[in-house]
Amino acid sequence: MARLENLFKYHKVSLLFMLLSSFLYLSFGYDLVRTDITKLVLLYFALFVFAYQLLKTAGYNFRLLVMASLAFRVLFLFAIPNLSQDFYRFVWDGQMILAGLNPYLTTPDYQMGLGVLSNFPNQVALYEGMGALSASHYTNYPPLKQLIFVLGNLFPGQSILSSVIGMRFIIIAADIGTLYFGKKLLERLKLPSSRIFWYILNPFIIIELTGNLHFEGVMIFFLVWSLYLLHLAKWKWAAVGLACSISVKLIPLILLPLFFRWFVKKQNPFKGIKKLIVFYLIIGTATLVLLVPFLSMEFITNYSKSVGLWFGTFEFNASIYYLARAIGFATTGYNEIAIITIILPIISILVILGFSLIKTNTALPELVSSMLLVLTCYLFLSTTVHPWYIATLVILCIFTDYKFPLVWSMVIVLSYFAYSKPDNAENMWIIGLEYGVVFTVLLWEILFKRPSHLKAQTFNNT
């Protein structure tokens, strides 16, 4: 009781910002449609202002900030995601597995053509909710993510909402794990442990992951856990954690070459190469084990088609790609996406190789900094950048001196302007404003802020 009295006595202002934020999150989750762009943007920016004030006034009252982080997430528990319809496909894939079917082998269109199954709850509603684009393509979600879909569908109840609640609990649990391991890793790196709340209390993270049910949060938990184990020199277990991260979202595959200089050092390169090979073998084996329940030649064909389609055909909230496309239109009169989507990945590969071979990456802050910049370049060169894609940048930046992902997490809400139009047409001026802010902050940090990660503690990882 005395502790509660002290909380009200010394943190009245912080509690006020918690209360105000709670009302805004409730409005966001239960009284907002994504076409109402004015309300969406005002709520979003107001939540960032209140989050900043909460962090500022609370000082470093760990319990208070954890309480706020959990409370804001729980507020979304009974809300149907309102900024994305991906969750319908998540529930669909989970129900497919529970019905004894392999979700990788058929499209929802094909499955509906076979008729409605008695052991497939809400089949018609899920099919209609996911939209024609998702329904006509094979699933592109990795195996561990499929397991999460199954677990979410096992939550008591037969409604779509009950499945959403089950999956939401998993995402909240993953964020708690990220809070735990992220704080411990910051402490080992002798960085302020309060930085973890730049991620945990970030309205973008709360809305896009817990609110809109995107599983970057689970991928990030495994990634942070892996980095923590790597810093403890438990690199074999770190490989298992990284494999789990890849099996939730494929994006960590891009980071694998960066471990070359972590293991291979000038003093004993042959020993390092041996460790690196074992590290990659563990990742490959663990990933393959998770794939075994679904594995077949048909699975490989369908999955590769689906991944290739999503990465090479669709366009949304791009930056450099849109510039290249505009140049193509100006010079040839056509959308040269076929050529551009060959050139841009080659540039991405060269960037990854450059960071893998030229950067030393022997201290964890430097390795994480390379991860951050490589993923940033990858997203800048991508044809599709949905808001939740940048969640990984937000968590990585707390271990570095870069803050541009925090700015990006605030301005990326501008990409939702497209959904206020009947045909989801993007306004290039809005996209230009978003990326103009991000590029400006990034260039300022690169040119005028001297990174201190080289001065951070170097841990013996051999």
Protein backbone atom coordinates (compact mmCIF):
# COMPACT_ATOMS: atom_id res chain seq x y z
CA MET A 1 0.00 0.00 0.00
CA ALA A 2 2.84 2.38 0.88
CA ARG A 3 4.48 1.67 -2.46
CA LEU A 4 1.22 2.51 -4.25
CA GLU A 5 0.89 5.74 -2.28
CA ASN A 6 4.45 6.73 -3.22
CA LEU A 7 3.68 5.99 -6.85
CA PHE A 8 0.75 8.44 -6.82
CA LYS A 9 2.70 10.95 -4.75
CA TYR A 10 5.86 11.14 -6.86
CA HIS A 11 4.63 10.19 -10.33
CA LYS A 12 1.34 12.04 -10.74
CA VAL A 13 2.37 13.58 -14.05
CA SER A 14 3.59 10.25 -15.43
CA LEU A 15 0.34 8.58 -14.40
CA LEU A 16 -1.59 11.36 -16.12
CA PHE A 17 0.25 10.69 -19.39
CA MET A 18 -0.41 6.96 -18.92
CA LEU A 19 -4.12 7.67 -18.54
CA LEU A 20 -4.25 9.98 -21.55
CA SER A 21 -2.32 7.46 -23.64
CA SER A 22 -4.72 4.72 -22.57
CA PHE A 23 -7.72 6.68 -23.85
CA LEU A 24 -5.95 7.27 -27.17
CA TYR A 25 -4.98 3.60 -27.53
CA LEU A 26 -8.58 2.59 -26.82
CA SER A 27 -9.78 5.00 -29.47
CA PHE A 28 -7.14 3.66 -31.87
CA GLY A 29 -8.08 0.04 -31.30
CA TYR A 30 -11.87 0.22 -31.10
CA ASP A 31 -13.03 3.42 -32.82
CA LEU A 32 -10.85 3.90 -35.89
CA VAL A 33 -10.95 2.85 -39.52
CA ARG A 34 -7.80 3.27 -41.59
CA THR A 35 -9.58 5.38 -44.21
CA ASP A 36 -10.09 8.10 -41.57
CA ILE A 37 -6.58 9.37 -42.14
CA THR A 38 -6.95 12.63 -40.20
CA LYS A 39 -7.96 10.86 -37.01
CA LEU A 40 -5.33 8.17 -37.59
CA VAL A 41 -2.46 10.64 -37.92
CA LEU A 42 -3.59 12.86 -35.03
CA LEU A 43 -3.93 9.90 -32.65
CA TYR A 44 -0.60 8.49 -33.79
CA PHE A 45 1.42 11.68 -33.31
CA ALA A 46 -0.33 12.45 -30.01
CA LEU A 47 0.70 9.02 -28.71
CA PHE A 48 4.32 9.75 -29.62
CA VAL A 49 4.16 13.04 -27.73
CA PHE A 50 2.68 11.33 -24.66
CA ALA A 51 5.21 8.47 -24.84
CA TYR A 52 8.05 11.00 -24.88
CA GLN A 53 6.55 12.85 -21.92
CA LEU A 54 6.02 9.59 -20.04
CA LEU A 55 9.66 8.59 -20.49
CA LYS A 56 10.79 12.09 -19.55
CA THR A 57 8.70 12.45 -16.38
CA ALA A 58 9.09 8.86 -15.14
CA GLY A 59 12.87 9.14 -15.12
CA TYR A 60 13.91 5.53 -14.87
CA ASN A 61 11.18 4.03 -12.75
CA PHE A 62 11.44 0.58 -14.26
CA ARG A 63 8.28 -0.83 -12.71
CA LEU A 64 6.19 2.13 -13.79
CA LEU A 65 7.40 1.93 -17.38
CA VAL A 66 6.90 -1.85 -17.52
CA MET A 67 3.41 -1.40 -16.10
CA ALA A 68 2.61 1.18 -18.78
CA SER A 69 4.06 -1.02 -21.54
CA LEU A 70 1.94 -4.01 -20.53
CA ALA A 71 -1.19 -1.95 -19.92
CA PHE A 72 -1.09 -0.34 -23.37
CA ARG A 73 -0.77 -3.76 -25.00
CA VAL A 74 -3.55 -5.35 -22.96
CA LEU A 75 -5.90 -2.54 -24.06
CA PHE A 76 -5.77 -3.99 -27.59
CA LEU A 77 -6.58 -7.51 -26.43
CA PHE A 78 -10.20 -7.62 -27.67
CA ALA A 79 -9.75 -5.38 -30.72
CA ILE A 80 -9.92 -6.67 -34.28
CA PRO A 81 -6.86 -5.28 -36.17
CA ASN A 82 -7.97 -2.22 -38.13
CA LEU A 83 -4.92 -1.17 -40.16
CA SER A 84 -4.17 -4.51 -41.81
CA GLN A 85 -6.20 -7.52 -42.94
CA ASP A 86 -3.25 -9.95 -42.85
CA PHE A 87 -4.59 -11.55 -39.68
CA TYR A 88 -7.37 -13.24 -41.65
CA ARG A 89 -4.72 -15.24 -43.54
CA PHE A 90 -2.92 -15.99 -40.26
CA VAL A 91 -6.07 -17.51 -38.80
CA TRP A 92 -6.79 -19.29 -42.10
CA ASP A 93 -3.38 -20.98 -42.21
CA GLY A 94 -3.69 -22.07 -38.59
CA GLN A 95 -7.14 -23.54 -39.21
CA MET A 96 -5.82 -25.33 -42.30
CA ILE A 97 -3.22 -27.13 -40.19
CA LEU A 98 -5.75 -27.97 -37.47
CA ALA A 99 -8.00 -29.42 -40.19
CA GLY A 100 -5.13 -31.72 -41.21
CA LEU A 101 -4.22 -29.79 -44.38
CA ASN A 102 -0.87 -28.37 -45.51
CA PRO A 103 -1.33 -24.59 -45.97
CA TYR A 104 1.63 -24.43 -48.38
CA LEU A 105 0.04 -26.71 -50.98
CA THR A 106 -3.16 -24.87 -51.90
CA THR A 107 -4.40 -21.31 -52.22
CA PRO A 108 -7.52 -20.16 -50.37
CA ASP A 109 -9.21 -19.75 -53.78
CA TYR A 110 -8.53 -23.40 -54.57
CA GLN A 111 -9.59 -24.56 -51.12
CA MET A 112 -12.88 -22.66 -51.30
CA GLY A 113 -13.51 -24.25 -54.68
CA LEU A 114 -13.50 -27.63 -52.94
CA GLY A 115 -16.27 -26.52 -50.60
CA VAL A 116 -16.66 -25.56 -46.94
CA LEU A 117 -15.20 -27.99 -44.37
CA SER A 118 -17.08 -28.83 -41.19
CA ASN A 119 -13.86 -28.78 -39.12
CA PHE A 120 -12.76 -25.35 -40.45
CA PRO A 121 -14.39 -22.62 -38.28
CA ASN A 122 -15.22 -19.32 -39.98
CA GLN A 123 -13.88 -20.50 -43.33
CA VAL A 124 -16.10 -18.23 -45.43
CA ALA A 125 -15.58 -15.14 -43.22
CA LEU A 126 -11.81 -15.64 -43.24
CA TYR A 127 -11.76 -16.05 -47.02
CA GLU A 128 -13.79 -12.90 -47.57
CA GLY A 129 -11.80 -10.94 -45.00
CA MET A 130 -8.32 -11.65 -46.38
CA GLY A 131 -9.12 -10.13 -49.77
CA ALA A 132 -8.60 -11.33 -53.34
CA LEU A 133 -4.85 -10.73 -53.41
CA SER A 134 -4.05 -12.99 -50.46
CA ALA A 135 -6.68 -15.55 -51.44
CA SER A 136 -5.18 -16.08 -54.88
CA HIS A 137 -1.61 -16.75 -53.69
CA TYR A 138 0.17 -19.46 -51.76
CA THR A 139 1.15 -18.65 -48.20
CA ASN A 140 4.64 -17.18 -47.73
CA TYR A 141 4.84 -17.50 -43.94
CA PRO A 142 7.74 -19.62 -42.55
CA PRO A 143 7.12 -22.78 -40.46
CA LEU A 144 7.59 -21.43 -36.93
CA LYS A 145 5.14 -18.66 -37.74
CA GLN A 146 2.69 -21.34 -38.86
CA LEU A 147 3.07 -22.98 -35.44
CA ILE A 148 2.15 -19.65 -33.84
CA PHE A 149 -0.96 -19.53 -36.03
CA VAL A 150 -1.93 -22.97 -34.74
CA LEU A 151 -1.33 -22.01 -31.10
CA GLY A 152 -3.40 -18.86 -31.54
CA ASN A 153 -6.28 -20.87 -32.98
CA LEU A 154 -6.19 -23.18 -29.95
CA PHE A 155 -7.27 -20.31 -27.70
CA PRO A 156 -10.72 -21.16 -26.25
CA GLY A 157 -13.55 -20.12 -28.52
CA GLN A 158 -14.61 -20.60 -32.14
CA SER A 159 -14.64 -16.98 -33.29
CA ILE A 160 -12.08 -15.04 -35.33
CA LEU A 161 -11.63 -12.75 -32.32
CA SER A 162 -10.70 -15.67 -30.06
CA SER A 163 -7.95 -16.66 -32.52
CA VAL A 164 -6.76 -13.04 -32.65
CA ILE A 165 -6.62 -12.92 -28.83
CA GLY A 166 -4.60 -16.15 -28.75
CA MET A 167 -2.05 -14.80 -31.24
CA ARG A 168 -1.96 -11.45 -29.46
CA PHE A 169 -0.96 -13.14 -26.20
CA ILE A 170 2.00 -14.71 -28.03
CA ILE A 171 3.13 -11.33 -29.40
CA ILE A 172 2.84 -9.73 -25.94
CA ALA A 173 4.86 -12.60 -24.44
CA ALA A 174 7.53 -12.08 -27.11
CA ASP A 175 7.74 -8.37 -26.24
CA ILE A 176 8.22 -9.29 -22.57
CA GLY A 177 11.07 -11.57 -23.64
CA THR A 178 12.58 -8.77 -25.72
CA LEU A 179 12.32 -6.45 -22.71
CA TYR A 180 14.14 -8.99 -20.53
CA PHE A 181 16.98 -9.92 -22.87
CA GLY A 182 17.25 -6.44 -24.38
CA LYS A 183 17.74 -4.89 -20.93
CA LYS A 184 20.35 -7.49 -19.97
CA LEU A 185 22.22 -6.99 -23.24
CA LEU A 186 22.25 -3.21 -22.81
CA GLU A 187 23.67 -3.66 -19.32
CA ARG A 188 26.41 -5.97 -20.59
CA LEU A 189 27.31 -3.43 -23.26
CA LYS A 190 27.43 -0.72 -20.57
CA LEU A 191 24.69 1.23 -22.32
CA PRO A 192 21.72 2.82 -20.49
CA SER A 193 19.23 0.01 -19.90
CA SER A 194 16.40 2.55 -20.13
CA ARG A 195 16.95 2.52 -23.90
CA ILE A 196 14.88 -0.66 -24.10
CA PHE A 197 11.79 1.48 -23.60
CA TRP A 198 12.49 3.28 -26.88
CA TYR A 199 11.26 -0.02 -28.33
CA ILE A 200 8.85 -1.34 -25.70
CA LEU A 201 6.98 1.96 -25.20
CA ASN A 202 7.18 3.08 -28.83
CA PRO A 203 3.59 3.65 -30.07
CA PHE A 204 4.59 2.32 -33.50
CA ILE A 205 5.65 -1.00 -31.96
CA ILE A 206 2.55 -1.26 -29.78
CA ILE A 207 0.15 -0.42 -32.61
CA GLU A 208 1.74 -2.35 -35.48
CA LEU A 209 2.73 -5.50 -33.59
CA THR A 210 0.26 -5.98 -30.72
CA GLY A 211 -2.54 -3.94 -32.27
CA ASN A 212 -2.30 -5.04 -35.90
CA LEU A 213 -1.02 -8.53 -35.12
CA HIS A 214 2.29 -8.58 -36.97
CA PHE A 215 4.83 -11.14 -35.88
CA GLU A 216 7.98 -9.07 -36.28
CA GLY A 217 7.82 -8.93 -32.48
CA VAL A 218 8.37 -12.69 -32.22
CA MET A 219 11.17 -12.58 -34.79
CA ILE A 220 12.78 -9.73 -32.87
CA PHE A 221 12.59 -11.65 -29.58
CA PHE A 222 14.56 -14.54 -31.07
CA LEU A 223 17.02 -12.12 -32.69
CA VAL A 224 17.70 -10.23 -29.45
CA TRP A 225 17.97 -13.49 -27.52
CA SER A 226 20.47 -14.72 -30.13
CA LEU A 227 22.56 -11.54 -29.85
CA TYR A 228 22.55 -11.84 -26.07
CA LEU A 229 23.78 -15.45 -26.28
CA LEU A 230 26.41 -14.41 -28.82
CA HIS A 231 27.71 -11.79 -26.41
CA LEU A 232 27.94 -14.49 -23.73
CA ALA A 233 30.10 -16.50 -26.16
CA LYS A 234 27.36 -19.16 -26.38
CA TRP A 235 27.48 -18.98 -30.14
CA LYS A 236 26.02 -22.44 -30.79
CA TRP A 237 22.85 -21.57 -28.89
CA ALA A 238 22.90 -18.17 -30.59
CA ALA A 239 22.72 -20.02 -33.90
CA VAL A 240 19.59 -21.87 -32.72
CA GLY A 241 17.99 -18.57 -31.69
CA LEU A 242 18.81 -17.05 -35.07
CA ALA A 243 17.32 -20.06 -36.85
CA CYS A 244 14.09 -19.56 -34.89
CA SER A 245 14.11 -15.88 -35.88
CA ILE A 246 14.50 -16.82 -39.56
CA SER A 247 11.71 -19.38 -39.19
CA VAL A 248 9.33 -16.61 -38.12
CA LYS A 249 10.36 -14.05 -40.77
CA LEU A 250 12.94 -14.60 -43.50
CA ILE A 251 14.52 -11.15 -43.16
CA PRO A 252 17.36 -12.24 -40.75
CA LEU A 253 18.77 -14.33 -43.61
CA ILE A 254 20.19 -11.06 -44.94
CA LEU A 255 22.28 -10.72 -41.78
CA LEU A 256 24.08 -14.07 -41.99
CA PRO A 257 27.11 -12.87 -44.03
CA LEU A 258 27.83 -10.22 -41.37
CA PHE A 259 28.99 -12.93 -38.95
CA PHE A 260 32.04 -13.66 -41.14
CA ARG A 261 34.33 -11.15 -39.41
CA TRP A 262 32.85 -11.98 -35.99
CA PHE A 263 34.28 -15.47 -36.24
CA VAL A 264 37.13 -15.14 -38.74
CA LYS A 265 39.90 -13.05 -37.20
CA LYS A 266 43.41 -12.29 -38.39
CA GLN A 267 45.00 -14.02 -35.40
CA ASN A 268 43.57 -17.47 -36.15
CA PRO A 269 41.52 -17.41 -39.38
CA PHE A 270 41.31 -21.21 -39.84
CA LYS A 271 39.84 -21.75 -36.38
CA GLY A 272 37.37 -18.96 -37.09
CA ILE A 273 36.33 -20.44 -40.44
CA LYS A 274 35.66 -23.76 -38.73
CA LYS A 275 33.44 -22.06 -36.14
CA LEU A 276 31.65 -20.05 -38.82
CA ILE A 277 30.86 -23.21 -40.79
CA VAL A 278 29.51 -24.90 -37.65
CA PHE A 279 27.47 -21.75 -36.88
CA TYR A 280 25.89 -21.79 -40.33
CA LEU A 281 25.32 -25.56 -40.20
CA ILE A 282 23.45 -25.25 -36.91
CA ILE A 283 21.27 -22.50 -38.37
CA GLY A 284 20.60 -24.53 -41.51
CA THR A 285 19.87 -27.74 -39.61
CA ALA A 286 17.54 -26.08 -37.10
CA THR A 287 15.68 -24.29 -39.90
CA LEU A 288 15.36 -27.54 -41.86
CA VAL A 289 14.03 -29.41 -38.81
CA LEU A 290 11.25 -26.81 -38.49
CA LEU A 291 10.46 -27.25 -42.19
CA VAL A 292 10.23 -31.06 -42.11
CA PRO A 293 6.48 -31.30 -41.30
CA PHE A 294 5.69 -29.33 -44.48
CA LEU A 295 8.51 -30.43 -46.77
CA SER A 296 7.79 -31.66 -50.30
CA MET A 297 8.76 -30.70 -53.83
CA GLU A 298 5.38 -29.04 -54.25
CA PHE A 299 6.01 -27.01 -51.10
CA ILE A 300 9.38 -25.81 -52.42
CA THR A 301 7.86 -24.79 -55.75
CA ASN A 302 4.86 -22.99 -54.26
CA TYR A 303 6.84 -21.25 -51.53
CA SER A 304 9.56 -19.98 -53.85
CA LYS A 305 6.90 -18.64 -56.23
CA SER A 306 5.09 -16.88 -53.41
CA VAL A 307 8.21 -15.28 -51.93
CA GLY A 308 9.45 -14.20 -55.36
CA LEU A 309 6.07 -12.68 -56.16
CA TRP A 310 5.84 -10.66 -52.94
CA PHE A 311 9.40 -9.35 -53.27
CA GLY A 312 9.44 -8.64 -56.98
CA THR A 313 5.93 -7.67 -58.09
CA PHE A 314 4.19 -5.52 -55.49
CA GLU A 315 4.88 -1.86 -54.86
CA PHE A 316 4.16 0.13 -51.70
CA ASN A 317 5.91 2.93 -49.79
CA ALA A 318 9.18 2.49 -51.67
CA SER A 319 11.89 5.15 -51.93
CA ILE A 320 14.82 4.53 -54.28
CA TYR A 321 12.71 2.14 -56.34
CA TYR A 322 10.12 4.87 -56.97
CA LEU A 323 12.89 7.21 -58.11
CA ALA A 324 14.25 4.54 -60.46
CA ARG A 325 10.74 3.84 -61.73
CA ALA A 326 10.18 7.54 -62.44
CA ILE A 327 13.45 7.68 -64.38
CA GLY A 328 12.37 4.61 -66.34
CA PHE A 329 9.04 6.20 -67.24
CA ALA A 330 10.80 9.41 -68.29
CA THR A 331 13.31 7.64 -70.53
CA THR A 332 11.35 4.69 -71.97
CA GLY A 333 7.72 5.48 -71.22
CA TYR A 334 7.25 2.17 -69.35
CA ASN A 335 7.48 0.85 -65.78
CA GLU A 336 10.83 -0.94 -65.93
CA ILE A 337 10.11 -3.03 -62.82
CA ALA A 338 11.55 -6.19 -64.41
CA ILE A 339 14.95 -4.51 -64.88
CA ILE A 340 14.90 -2.45 -61.70
CA THR A 341 14.09 -5.47 -59.52
CA ILE A 342 17.23 -7.14 -60.86
CA ILE A 343 19.54 -4.16 -60.40
CA LEU A 344 18.40 -3.17 -56.90
CA PRO A 345 18.92 -6.65 -55.35
CA ILE A 346 22.41 -6.73 -56.87
CA ILE A 347 23.16 -3.42 -55.14
CA SER A 348 21.79 -4.89 -51.89
CA ILE A 349 24.08 -7.91 -52.23
CA LEU A 350 27.09 -5.66 -52.82
CA VAL A 351 26.21 -3.61 -49.73
CA ILE A 352 25.91 -6.78 -47.62
CA LEU A 353 29.24 -8.09 -48.90
CA GLY A 354 30.88 -4.73 -48.22
CA PHE A 355 29.71 -4.67 -44.60
CA SER A 356 30.65 -8.35 -44.20
CA LEU A 357 34.19 -8.14 -45.55
CA ILE A 358 35.29 -4.54 -44.89
CA LYS A 359 33.74 -3.85 -41.47
CA THR A 360 35.48 -5.63 -38.58
CA ASN A 361 32.24 -6.56 -36.76
CA THR A 362 34.21 -8.09 -33.86
CA ALA A 363 32.46 -6.10 -31.11
CA LEU A 364 28.74 -6.57 -30.69
CA PRO A 365 27.83 -2.86 -30.99
CA GLU A 366 29.69 -2.73 -34.29
CA LEU A 367 28.03 -5.95 -35.49
CA VAL A 368 24.60 -4.60 -34.59
CA SER A 369 25.41 -1.29 -36.26
CA SER A 370 26.27 -3.18 -39.45
CA MET A 371 23.00 -5.12 -39.17
CA LEU A 372 21.08 -1.88 -38.80
CA LEU A 373 22.68 -0.21 -41.81
CA VAL A 374 22.43 -3.31 -44.02
CA LEU A 375 18.72 -3.73 -43.28
CA THR A 376 18.20 0.00 -43.82
CA CYS A 377 19.83 -0.16 -47.25
CA TYR A 378 17.76 -3.24 -48.07
CA LEU A 379 14.52 -1.42 -47.21
CA PHE A 380 15.57 1.71 -49.10
CA LEU A 381 16.09 -0.50 -52.18
CA SER A 382 12.89 -2.55 -51.74
CA THR A 383 9.77 -2.22 -53.85
CA THR A 384 7.50 -2.74 -50.83
CA VAL A 385 7.99 -1.31 -47.33
CA HIS A 386 4.97 -1.90 -45.14
CA PRO A 387 5.17 0.01 -41.84
CA TRP A 388 5.81 -3.05 -39.67
CA TYR A 389 8.89 -3.92 -41.73
CA ILE A 390 10.94 -1.29 -39.90
CA ALA A 391 10.32 -2.76 -36.43
CA THR A 392 13.68 -4.58 -36.65
CA LEU A 393 15.45 -1.27 -37.25
CA VAL A 394 13.84 0.18 -34.11
CA ILE A 395 15.14 -2.62 -31.85
CA LEU A 396 18.63 -2.63 -33.40
CA CYS A 397 19.09 1.12 -33.07
CA ILE A 398 18.83 1.02 -29.26
CA PHE A 399 22.19 -0.78 -29.18
CA THR A 400 23.82 1.88 -31.40
CA ASP A 401 24.10 5.67 -31.61
CA TYR A 402 21.70 5.85 -34.57
CA LYS A 403 18.25 7.29 -33.90
CA PHE A 404 16.84 7.64 -37.43
CA PRO A 405 14.71 4.44 -37.04
CA LEU A 406 12.90 6.13 -34.14
CA VAL A 407 12.12 9.09 -36.41
CA TRP A 408 11.07 6.71 -39.19
CA SER A 409 8.75 4.87 -36.79
CA MET A 410 6.98 8.19 -36.21
CA VAL A 411 6.67 9.42 -39.82
CA ILE A 412 5.92 6.06 -41.45
CA VAL A 413 2.27 6.55 -40.51
CA LEU A 414 2.16 8.85 -43.54
CA SER A 415 2.19 5.75 -45.77
CA TYR A 416 -1.36 5.03 -44.60
CA PHE A 417 -2.55 8.03 -46.62
CA ALA A 418 -2.84 5.58 -49.53
CA TYR A 419 -5.73 3.79 -47.82
CA SER A 420 -7.78 6.97 -47.68
CA LYS A 421 -8.15 6.74 -51.48
CA PRO A 422 -10.68 4.38 -53.09
CA ASP A 423 -8.01 2.74 -55.25
CA ASN A 424 -5.29 2.87 -52.53
CA ALA A 425 -3.31 5.22 -54.76
CA GLU A 426 -0.17 6.61 -53.14
CA ASN A 427 0.57 10.31 -53.06
CA MET A 428 4.22 10.71 -54.08
CA TRP A 429 4.47 14.03 -52.24
CA ILE A 430 3.51 12.27 -49.01
CA ILE A 431 6.00 9.47 -49.66
CA GLY A 432 8.62 12.09 -50.50
CA LEU A 433 7.95 13.87 -47.20
CA GLU A 434 8.32 10.63 -45.23
CA TYR A 435 11.61 9.64 -46.81
CA GLY A 436 12.88 13.23 -46.94
CA VAL A 437 12.69 13.33 -43.14
CA VAL A 438 14.29 9.89 -42.75
CA PHE A 439 17.14 10.55 -45.23
CA THR A 440 17.85 13.94 -43.65
CA VAL A 441 18.16 12.49 -40.15
CA LEU A 442 20.26 9.55 -41.37
CA LEU A 443 22.67 11.76 -43.31
CA TRP A 444 22.99 14.11 -40.34
CA GLU A 445 23.85 11.18 -38.05
CA ILE A 446 26.39 9.78 -40.51
CA LEU A 447 28.07 13.10 -41.33
CA PHE A 448 27.92 15.03 -38.07
CA LYS A 449 27.56 12.52 -35.25
CA ARG A 450 30.63 10.46 -34.44
CA PRO A 451 29.50 6.90 -33.60
CA SER A 452 30.74 5.75 -30.22
CA HIS A 453 30.25 2.04 -30.79
CA LEU A 454 33.97 1.68 -31.46
CA LYS A 455 34.58 2.90 -27.93
CA ALA A 456 32.08 0.42 -26.47
CA GLN A 457 33.18 -2.63 -24.58
CA THR A 458 34.67 -5.30 -26.81
CA PHE A 459 33.79 -8.77 -25.58
CA ASN A 460 35.96 -11.78 -26.20
CA ASN A 461 33.67 -13.93 -28.31
CA THR A 462 36.08 -16.76 -29.09
